[in-house]
Amino acid sequence: MLESPLSARAEAPFGRADEVPAGWAVSRGLVDYPAAVAAMEARAAAIAEGRAGELVWLLEHPPLYTGGVSAKPGDLLDAGRFPVFASGRGGQYTYHGPGQRVAYVMLDLTRRQRDVRAFVAALEAWVIGALGRFNVTGEVRPGRVGVWVERRTPGFAPTEDKIAAIGVKLRRWVSFHGISLNVEPDLSHFGGIVPCGVTEHGVTSLVDLGLPVTMDEADAALRASFAAVFGAVEDAEPPLR
């Protein structure tokens, strides 16, 4: 049965007790993946050492594939199609590219909750809340990380497509990596991998669902939903432009 990770709690499940806002930064243009990972890891280390505040960093990458710690070699179907990067995040293979909003989430769970499962559920709830602002019902499946939408066509059985992927890593209880939301990517680019190791379901995007959502509109929805789940944010400079 499909279920919502917010079903048991009405209030923001992952806010800080001291109510210090997280930074919210947006990079324009396409950001190189290795440079972004280096900047993200440096910021996460600074947060753990008390030298920097929390940050949510929104960006887009050029077309590429990343393999998480559970990636299976056989799930990389076309290694020559785009650059392939090994990633320390959880999960398997995924695609990043233009039209997909990547959000790297660098939060200090010591100041929130030291509960990895609750953190992942909060990330799912964040995405689901953002989708709801476009009247899209995002859902989760037990044992299947990410956010899904059910599609119904008269005369056909319902199908499920993935609209957002989640893959995180914790170091000294500071999170990094995060989520990717399909706003308007080229969905054919997912054909070079088995996305997240799932073969029986497809992928979709807001535009594929018939919603002409811009990246700025998606960002606004993500920001409002983040505040409801994780607490207040304030504008910040991105680590890379």
C-alpha atoms as a PDB file:
ATOM      1  CA  MET A   1       0.000   0.000   0.000  1.00  0.00           C
ATOM      2  CA  LEU A   2       1.267   3.485  -0.855  1.00  0.00           C
ATOM      3  CA  GLU A   3       1.848   5.623   2.189  1.00  0.00           C
ATOM      4  CA  SER A   4       2.946   9.122   3.154  1.00  0.00           C
ATOM      5  CA  PRO A   5       5.966   9.623   5.413  1.00  0.00           C
ATOM      6  CA  LEU A   6       4.111  12.520   7.042  1.00  0.00           C
ATOM      7  CA  SER A   7       1.090  10.434   8.012  1.00  0.00           C
ATOM      8  CA  ALA A   8       2.144  10.065  11.627  1.00  0.00           C
ATOM      9  CA  ARG A   9       3.241  13.672  12.298  1.00  0.00           C
ATOM     10  CA  ALA A  10       1.499  16.941  11.543  1.00  0.00           C
ATOM     11  CA  GLU A  11       4.383  19.255  12.521  1.00  0.00           C
ATOM     12  CA  ALA A  12       7.776  19.707  10.898  1.00  0.00           C
ATOM     13  CA  PRO A  13       9.607  16.530  11.845  1.00  0.00           C
ATOM     14  CA  PHE A  14      13.144  17.742  11.291  1.00  0.00           C
ATOM     15  CA  GLY A  15      13.329  21.339  12.497  1.00  0.00           C
ATOM     16  CA  ARG A  16      16.132  22.592  14.713  1.00  0.00           C
ATOM     17  CA  ALA A  17      15.279  23.203  18.348  1.00  0.00           C
ATOM     18  CA  ASP A  18      17.221  26.501  18.233  1.00  0.00           C
ATOM     19  CA  GLU A  19      15.347  27.523  15.054  1.00  0.00           C
ATOM     20  CA  VAL A  20      18.531  28.688  13.317  1.00  0.00           C
ATOM     21  CA  PRO A  21      17.673  28.839   9.584  1.00  0.00           C
ATOM     22  CA  ALA A  22      19.564  26.792   7.023  1.00  0.00           C
ATOM     23  CA  GLY A  23      21.125  28.586   4.089  1.00  0.00           C
ATOM     24  CA  TRP A  24      19.365  28.291   0.733  1.00  0.00           C
ATOM     25  CA  ALA A  25      21.589  28.758  -2.320  1.00  0.00           C
ATOM     26  CA  VAL A  26      20.926  28.395  -6.054  1.00  0.00           C
ATOM     27  CA  SER A  27      23.596  28.086  -8.750  1.00  0.00           C
ATOM     28  CA  ARG A  28      22.634  29.213 -12.244  1.00  0.00           C
ATOM     29  CA  GLY A  29      23.908  27.333 -15.267  1.00  0.00           C
ATOM     30  CA  LEU A  30      25.396  23.837 -15.292  1.00  0.00           C
ATOM     31  CA  VAL A  31      27.810  22.943 -12.483  1.00  0.00           C
ATOM     32  CA  ASP A  32      30.656  20.476 -13.010  1.00  0.00           C
ATOM     33  CA  TYR A  33      30.008  17.320 -10.980  1.00  0.00           C
ATOM     34  CA  PRO A  34      33.475  16.674  -9.462  1.00  0.00           C
ATOM     35  CA  ALA A  35      33.812  20.336  -8.487  1.00  0.00           C
ATOM     36  CA  ALA A  36      30.352  20.287  -6.909  1.00  0.00           C
ATOM     37  CA  VAL A  37      31.134  17.157  -4.888  1.00  0.00           C
ATOM     38  CA  ALA A  38      34.398  18.677  -3.645  1.00  0.00           C
ATOM     39  CA  ALA A  39      32.639  21.889  -2.611  1.00  0.00           C
ATOM     40  CA  MET A  40      29.829  19.953  -0.942  1.00  0.00           C
ATOM     41  CA  GLU A  41      32.209  17.752   1.042  1.00  0.00           C
ATOM     42  CA  ALA A  42      34.227  20.786   2.139  1.00  0.00           C
ATOM     43  CA  ARG A  43      31.078  22.520   3.356  1.00  0.00           C
ATOM     44  CA  ALA A  44      29.878  19.402   5.200  1.00  0.00           C
ATOM     45  CA  ALA A  45      33.248  19.174   6.965  1.00  0.00           C
ATOM     46  CA  ALA A  46      33.040  22.842   7.936  1.00  0.00           C
ATOM     47  CA  ILE A  47      29.541  22.305   9.345  1.00  0.00           C
ATOM     48  CA  ALA A  48      30.749  19.355  11.416  1.00  0.00           C
ATOM     49  CA  GLU A  49      33.595  21.480  12.787  1.00  0.00           C
ATOM     50  CA  GLY A  50      31.324  24.418  13.618  1.00  0.00           C
ATOM     51  CA  ARG A  51      32.918  26.687  11.005  1.00  0.00           C
ATOM     52  CA  ALA A  52      29.869  27.023   8.738  1.00  0.00           C
ATOM     53  CA  GLY A  53      26.104  26.871   8.869  1.00  0.00           C
ATOM     54  CA  GLU A  54      23.781  24.360   7.259  1.00  0.00           C
ATOM     55  CA  LEU A  55      23.145  24.713   3.549  1.00  0.00           C
ATOM     56  CA  VAL A  56      20.738  23.492   0.895  1.00  0.00           C
ATOM     57  CA  TRP A  57      22.382  23.962  -2.502  1.00  0.00           C
ATOM     58  CA  LEU A  58      20.249  23.786  -5.662  1.00  0.00           C
ATOM     59  CA  LEU A  59      21.880  23.268  -9.045  1.00  0.00           C
ATOM     60  CA  GLU A  60      21.861  21.466 -12.390  1.00  0.00           C
ATOM     61  CA  HIS A  61      24.595  19.250 -13.806  1.00  0.00           C
ATOM     62  CA  PRO A  62      25.572  18.497 -17.403  1.00  0.00           C
ATOM     63  CA  PRO A  63      24.396  15.023 -18.517  1.00  0.00           C
ATOM     64  CA  LEU A  64      26.101  12.296 -16.466  1.00  0.00           C
ATOM     65  CA  TYR A  65      25.554   9.076 -14.563  1.00  0.00           C
ATOM     66  CA  THR A  66      26.542   8.441 -10.964  1.00  0.00           C
ATOM     67  CA  GLY A  67      26.816   5.110  -9.205  1.00  0.00           C
ATOM     68  CA  GLY A  68      26.107   4.961  -5.471  1.00  0.00           C
ATOM     69  CA  VAL A  69      27.612   2.512  -3.007  1.00  0.00           C
ATOM     70  CA  SER A  70      25.082  -0.193  -4.000  1.00  0.00           C
ATOM     71  CA  ALA A  71      25.503   0.224  -7.783  1.00  0.00           C
ATOM     72  CA  LYS A  72      25.666  -3.002  -9.787  1.00  0.00           C
ATOM     73  CA  PRO A  73      27.921  -3.060 -12.882  1.00  0.00           C
ATOM     74  CA  GLY A  74      25.180  -4.678 -14.960  1.00  0.00           C
ATOM     75  CA  ASP A  75      22.877  -1.704 -14.356  1.00  0.00           C
ATOM     76  CA  LEU A  76      25.173   0.566 -16.383  1.00  0.00           C
ATOM     77  CA  LEU A  77      23.769  -0.202 -19.817  1.00  0.00           C
ATOM     78  CA  ASP A  78      25.658   2.372 -21.919  1.00  0.00           C
ATOM     79  CA  ALA A  79      28.912   3.401 -20.256  1.00  0.00           C
ATOM     80  CA  GLY A  80      29.986   5.461 -23.252  1.00  0.00           C
ATOM     81  CA  ARG A  81      26.898   7.619 -23.450  1.00  0.00           C
ATOM     82  CA  PHE A  82      27.770  10.157 -20.738  1.00  0.00           C
ATOM     83  CA  PRO A  83      30.529  10.555 -18.137  1.00  0.00           C
ATOM     84  CA  VAL A  84      30.162   8.081 -15.268  1.00  0.00           C
ATOM     85  CA  PHE A  85      31.178   8.941 -11.705  1.00  0.00           C
ATOM     86  CA  ALA A  86      31.448   6.780  -8.614  1.00  0.00           C
ATOM     87  CA  SER A  87      29.593   8.394  -5.725  1.00  0.00           C
ATOM     88  CA  GLY A  88      29.775   7.828  -1.991  1.00  0.00           C
ATOM     89  CA  ARG A  89      26.049   8.378  -1.575  1.00  0.00           C
ATOM     90  CA  GLY A  90      23.612   5.603  -0.861  1.00  0.00           C
ATOM     91  CA  GLY A  91      21.744   3.931  -3.697  1.00  0.00           C
ATOM     92  CA  GLN A  92      22.559   2.654  -7.165  1.00  0.00           C
ATOM     93  CA  TYR A  93      22.849   4.308 -10.596  1.00  0.00           C
ATOM     94  CA  THR A  94      21.079   7.529 -11.376  1.00  0.00           C
ATOM     95  CA  TYR A  95      21.144  10.207 -14.051  1.00  0.00           C
ATOM     96  CA  HIS A  96      21.696  13.942 -13.628  1.00  0.00           C
ATOM     97  CA  GLY A  97      21.298  16.504 -16.367  1.00  0.00           C
ATOM     98  CA  PRO A  98      19.740  19.771 -17.519  1.00  0.00           C
ATOM     99  CA  GLY A  99      16.112  20.187 -16.523  1.00  0.00           C
ATOM    100  CA  GLN A 100      16.578  18.185 -13.342  1.00  0.00           C
ATOM    101  CA  ARG A 101      16.790  20.035 -10.053  1.00  0.00           C
ATOM    102  CA  VAL A 102      19.491  18.586  -7.839  1.00  0.00           C
ATOM    103  CA  ALA A 103      19.441  19.692  -4.205  1.00  0.00           C
ATOM    104  CA  TYR A 104      22.491  18.929  -2.102  1.00  0.00           C
ATOM    105  CA  VAL A 105      21.398  18.921   1.522  1.00  0.00           C
ATOM    106  CA  MET A 106      24.045  19.664   4.147  1.00  0.00           C
ATOM    107  CA  LEU A 107      22.327  19.479   7.514  1.00  0.00           C
ATOM    108  CA  ASP A 108      23.656  18.860  11.021  1.00  0.00           C
ATOM    109  CA  LEU A 109      21.574  15.961  12.314  1.00  0.00           C
ATOM    110  CA  THR A 110      23.100  16.363  15.763  1.00  0.00           C
ATOM    111  CA  ARG A 111      21.090  19.596  16.005  1.00  0.00           C
ATOM    112  CA  ARG A 112      18.008  17.904  14.537  1.00  0.00           C
ATOM    113  CA  GLN A 113      17.600  14.132  14.983  1.00  0.00           C
ATOM    114  CA  ARG A 114      20.240  11.431  14.862  1.00  0.00           C
ATOM    115  CA  ASP A 115      17.855   9.129  13.045  1.00  0.00           C
ATOM    116  CA  VAL A 116      18.784   8.130   9.517  1.00  0.00           C
ATOM    117  CA  ARG A 117      15.443   6.540   8.657  1.00  0.00           C
ATOM    118  CA  ALA A 118      13.521   9.545   9.910  1.00  0.00           C
ATOM    119  CA  PHE A 119      15.834  11.803   7.911  1.00  0.00           C
ATOM    120  CA  VAL A 120      15.189   9.909   4.671  1.00  0.00           C
ATOM    121  CA  ALA A 121      11.448   9.992   5.387  1.00  0.00           C
ATOM    122  CA  ALA A 122      11.716  13.758   5.922  1.00  0.00           C
ATOM    123  CA  LEU A 123      13.452  14.148   2.547  1.00  0.00           C
ATOM    124  CA  GLU A 124      10.640  12.174   0.924  1.00  0.00           C
ATOM    125  CA  ALA A 125       8.065  14.313   2.719  1.00  0.00           C
ATOM    126  CA  TRP A 126       9.832  17.445   1.482  1.00  0.00           C
ATOM    127  CA  VAL A 127       9.566  16.345  -2.149  1.00  0.00           C
ATOM    128  CA  ILE A 128       5.982  15.155  -1.711  1.00  0.00           C
ATOM    129  CA  GLY A 129       5.013  18.528  -0.252  1.00  0.00           C
ATOM    130  CA  ALA A 130       6.603  20.356  -3.164  1.00  0.00           C
ATOM    131  CA  LEU A 131       4.793  18.168  -5.709  1.00  0.00           C
ATOM    132  CA  GLY A 132       1.528  18.792  -3.916  1.00  0.00           C
ATOM    133  CA  ARG A 133       1.822  22.480  -4.757  1.00  0.00           C
ATOM    134  CA  PHE A 134       1.347  21.454  -8.389  1.00  0.00           C
ATOM    135  CA  ASN A 135      -1.517  19.081  -7.506  1.00  0.00           C
ATOM    136  CA  VAL A 136       0.737  16.086  -8.105  1.00  0.00           C
ATOM    137  CA  THR A 137       0.348  13.244  -5.629  1.00  0.00           C
ATOM    138  CA  GLY A 138       3.798  11.988  -4.779  1.00  0.00           C
ATOM    139  CA  GLU A 139       3.995   8.699  -2.901  1.00  0.00           C
ATOM    140  CA  VAL A 140       6.541   6.338  -1.372  1.00  0.00           C
ATOM    141  CA  ARG A 141       6.775   2.564  -1.354  1.00  0.00           C
ATOM    142  CA  PRO A 142       8.133   0.596   1.608  1.00  0.00           C
ATOM    143  CA  GLY A 143      11.551  -0.731   0.662  1.00  0.00           C
ATOM    144  CA  ARG A 144      11.826   1.491  -2.432  1.00  0.00           C
ATOM    145  CA  VAL A 145      13.571   4.824  -1.779  1.00  0.00           C
ATOM    146  CA  GLY A 146      12.429   7.853  -3.753  1.00  0.00           C
ATOM    147  CA  VAL A 147       9.163   9.500  -4.722  1.00  0.00           C
ATOM    148  CA  TRP A 148       6.725   7.991  -7.209  1.00  0.00           C
ATOM    149  CA  VAL A 149       3.578   9.009  -9.048  1.00  0.00           C
ATOM    150  CA  GLU A 150       0.805   6.667 -10.087  1.00  0.00           C
ATOM    151  CA  ARG A 151      -0.423   7.136 -13.644  1.00  0.00           C
ATOM    152  CA  ARG A 152      -3.839   5.973 -14.789  1.00  0.00           C
ATOM    153  CA  THR A 153      -4.959   5.557 -18.382  1.00  0.00           C
ATOM    154  CA  PRO A 154      -8.494   4.365 -19.143  1.00  0.00           C
ATOM    155  CA  GLY A 155      -8.424   0.755 -20.249  1.00  0.00           C
ATOM    156  CA  PHE A 156      -4.956   0.075 -18.874  1.00  0.00           C
ATOM    157  CA  ALA A 157      -3.606  -1.026 -15.509  1.00  0.00           C
ATOM    158  CA  PRO A 158      -2.126   1.777 -13.365  1.00  0.00           C
ATOM    159  CA  THR A 159       1.613   2.322 -13.655  1.00  0.00           C
ATOM    160  CA  GLU A 160       4.140   3.881 -11.299  1.00  0.00           C
ATOM    161  CA  ASP A 161       6.919   6.215 -12.442  1.00  0.00           C
ATOM    162  CA  LYS A 162       9.710   7.714 -10.395  1.00  0.00           C
ATOM    163  CA  ILE A 163       9.818  11.500 -10.313  1.00  0.00           C
ATOM    164  CA  ALA A 164      12.483  12.075  -7.667  1.00  0.00           C
ATOM    165  CA  ALA A 165      15.519  10.154  -6.467  1.00  0.00           C
ATOM    166  CA  ILE A 166      17.077  10.300  -3.004  1.00  0.00           C
ATOM    167  CA  GLY A 167      20.634   9.365  -2.120  1.00  0.00           C
ATOM    168  CA  VAL A 168      22.445  10.668   0.943  1.00  0.00           C
ATOM    169  CA  LYS A 169      25.576  10.147   2.976  1.00  0.00           C
ATOM    170  CA  LEU A 170      26.349  11.082   6.578  1.00  0.00           C
ATOM    171  CA  ARG A 171      29.741  11.948   8.003  1.00  0.00           C
ATOM    172  CA  ARG A 172      30.003  12.982  11.652  1.00  0.00           C
ATOM    173  CA  TRP A 173      26.186  13.253  11.520  1.00  0.00           C
ATOM    174  CA  VAL A 174      26.287  15.916   8.825  1.00  0.00           C
ATOM    175  CA  SER A 175      24.412  14.998   5.652  1.00  0.00           C
ATOM    176  CA  PHE A 176      25.474  15.572   2.084  1.00  0.00           C
ATOM    177  CA  HIS A 177      24.303  14.593  -1.396  1.00  0.00           C
ATOM    178  CA  GLY A 178      20.478  14.743  -1.360  1.00  0.00           C
ATOM    179  CA  ILE A 179      17.610  14.664  -3.844  1.00  0.00           C
ATOM    180  CA  SER A 180      16.993  15.099  -7.566  1.00  0.00           C
ATOM    181  CA  LEU A 181      13.599  16.186  -8.884  1.00  0.00           C
ATOM    182  CA  ASN A 182      12.727  15.716 -12.548  1.00  0.00           C
ATOM    183  CA  VAL A 183      11.310  19.022 -13.736  1.00  0.00           C
ATOM    184  CA  GLU A 184      12.001  18.849 -17.495  1.00  0.00           C
ATOM    185  CA  PRO A 185      14.988  16.580 -18.214  1.00  0.00           C
ATOM    186  CA  ASP A 186      15.377  14.531 -21.373  1.00  0.00           C
ATOM    187  CA  LEU A 187      13.868  11.293 -20.060  1.00  0.00           C
ATOM    188  CA  SER A 188      15.506   9.269 -22.829  1.00  0.00           C
ATOM    189  CA  HIS A 189      18.834   9.860 -21.067  1.00  0.00           C
ATOM    190  CA  PHE A 190      17.737   7.471 -18.314  1.00  0.00           C
ATOM    191  CA  GLY A 191      17.958   4.715 -20.935  1.00  0.00           C
ATOM    192  CA  GLY A 192      21.686   4.292 -20.384  1.00  0.00           C
ATOM    193  CA  ILE A 193      21.153   2.861 -16.898  1.00  0.00           C
ATOM    194  CA  VAL A 194      18.720   0.852 -14.832  1.00  0.00           C
ATOM    195  CA  PRO A 195      17.612   3.774 -12.651  1.00  0.00           C
ATOM    196  CA  CYS A 196      18.149   2.910  -8.990  1.00  0.00           C
ATOM    197  CA  GLY A 197      18.167  -0.771  -9.949  1.00  0.00           C
ATOM    198  CA  VAL A 198      14.422  -0.791 -10.649  1.00  0.00           C
ATOM    199  CA  THR A 199      13.391  -2.420 -13.929  1.00  0.00           C
ATOM    200  CA  GLU A 200       9.620  -2.792 -13.522  1.00  0.00           C
ATOM    201  CA  HIS A 201       8.812   0.935 -13.337  1.00  0.00           C
ATOM    202  CA  GLY A 202       9.619   4.007 -15.398  1.00  0.00           C
ATOM    203  CA  VAL A 203      10.633   7.604 -14.809  1.00  0.00           C
ATOM    204  CA  THR A 204       8.665  10.776 -15.326  1.00  0.00           C
ATOM    205  CA  SER A 205       8.898  14.535 -14.812  1.00  0.00           C
ATOM    206  CA  LEU A 206       6.580  17.418 -14.072  1.00  0.00           C
ATOM    207  CA  VAL A 207       6.534  18.418 -17.727  1.00  0.00           C
ATOM    208  CA  ASP A 208       5.997  14.797 -18.800  1.00  0.00           C
ATOM    209  CA  LEU A 209       2.912  14.809 -16.560  1.00  0.00           C
ATOM    210  CA  GLY A 210       1.565  17.741 -18.588  1.00  0.00           C
ATOM    211  CA  LEU A 211       2.622  20.504 -16.182  1.00  0.00           C
ATOM    212  CA  PRO A 212       4.664  23.304 -17.803  1.00  0.00           C
ATOM    213  CA  VAL A 213       6.578  24.036 -14.589  1.00  0.00           C
ATOM    214  CA  THR A 214       9.666  26.247 -14.784  1.00  0.00           C
ATOM    215  CA  MET A 215      12.762  25.625 -12.685  1.00  0.00           C
ATOM    216  CA  ASP A 216      12.087  28.802 -10.704  1.00  0.00           C
ATOM    217  CA  GLU A 217       8.571  27.576  -9.923  1.00  0.00           C
ATOM    218  CA  ALA A 218       9.939  24.201  -8.829  1.00  0.00           C
ATOM    219  CA  ASP A 219      12.477  25.965  -6.621  1.00  0.00           C
ATOM    220  CA  ALA A 220       9.769  28.037  -4.975  1.00  0.00           C
ATOM    221  CA  ALA A 221       7.742  24.908  -4.234  1.00  0.00           C
ATOM    222  CA  LEU A 222      10.799  23.123  -2.846  1.00  0.00           C
ATOM    223  CA  ARG A 223      11.643  26.073  -0.628  1.00  0.00           C
ATOM    224  CA  ALA A 224       8.155  26.347   0.842  1.00  0.00           C
ATOM    225  CA  SER A 225       7.932  22.613   1.456  1.00  0.00           C
ATOM    226  CA  PHE A 226      11.416  22.490   2.979  1.00  0.00           C
ATOM    227  CA  ALA A 227      10.403  25.099   5.537  1.00  0.00           C
ATOM    228  CA  ALA A 228       7.385  22.992   6.509  1.00  0.00           C
ATOM    229  CA  VAL A 229       9.496  19.866   7.049  1.00  0.00           C
ATOM    230  CA  PHE A 230      12.913  21.132   8.161  1.00  0.00           C
ATOM    231  CA  GLY A 231      12.305  24.693   9.364  1.00  0.00           C
ATOM    232  CA  ALA A 232      13.228  28.167   8.181  1.00  0.00           C
ATOM    233  CA  VAL A 233      15.770  28.984   5.491  1.00  0.00           C
ATOM    234  CA  GLU A 234      17.556  32.164   4.461  1.00  0.00           C
ATOM    235  CA  ASP A 235      19.234  33.181   1.216  1.00  0.00           C
ATOM    236  CA  ALA A 236      22.913  32.241   0.965  1.00  0.00           C
ATOM    237  CA  GLU A 237      25.723  32.306  -1.576  1.00  0.00           C
ATOM    238  CA  PRO A 238      26.252  29.047  -3.480  1.00  0.00           C
ATOM    239  CA  PRO A 239      29.634  27.354  -3.083  1.00  0.00           C
ATOM    240  CA  LEU A 240      30.036  27.518  -6.875  1.00  0.00           C
ATOM    241  CA  ARG A 241      28.328  29.758  -9.400  1.00  0.00           C
END
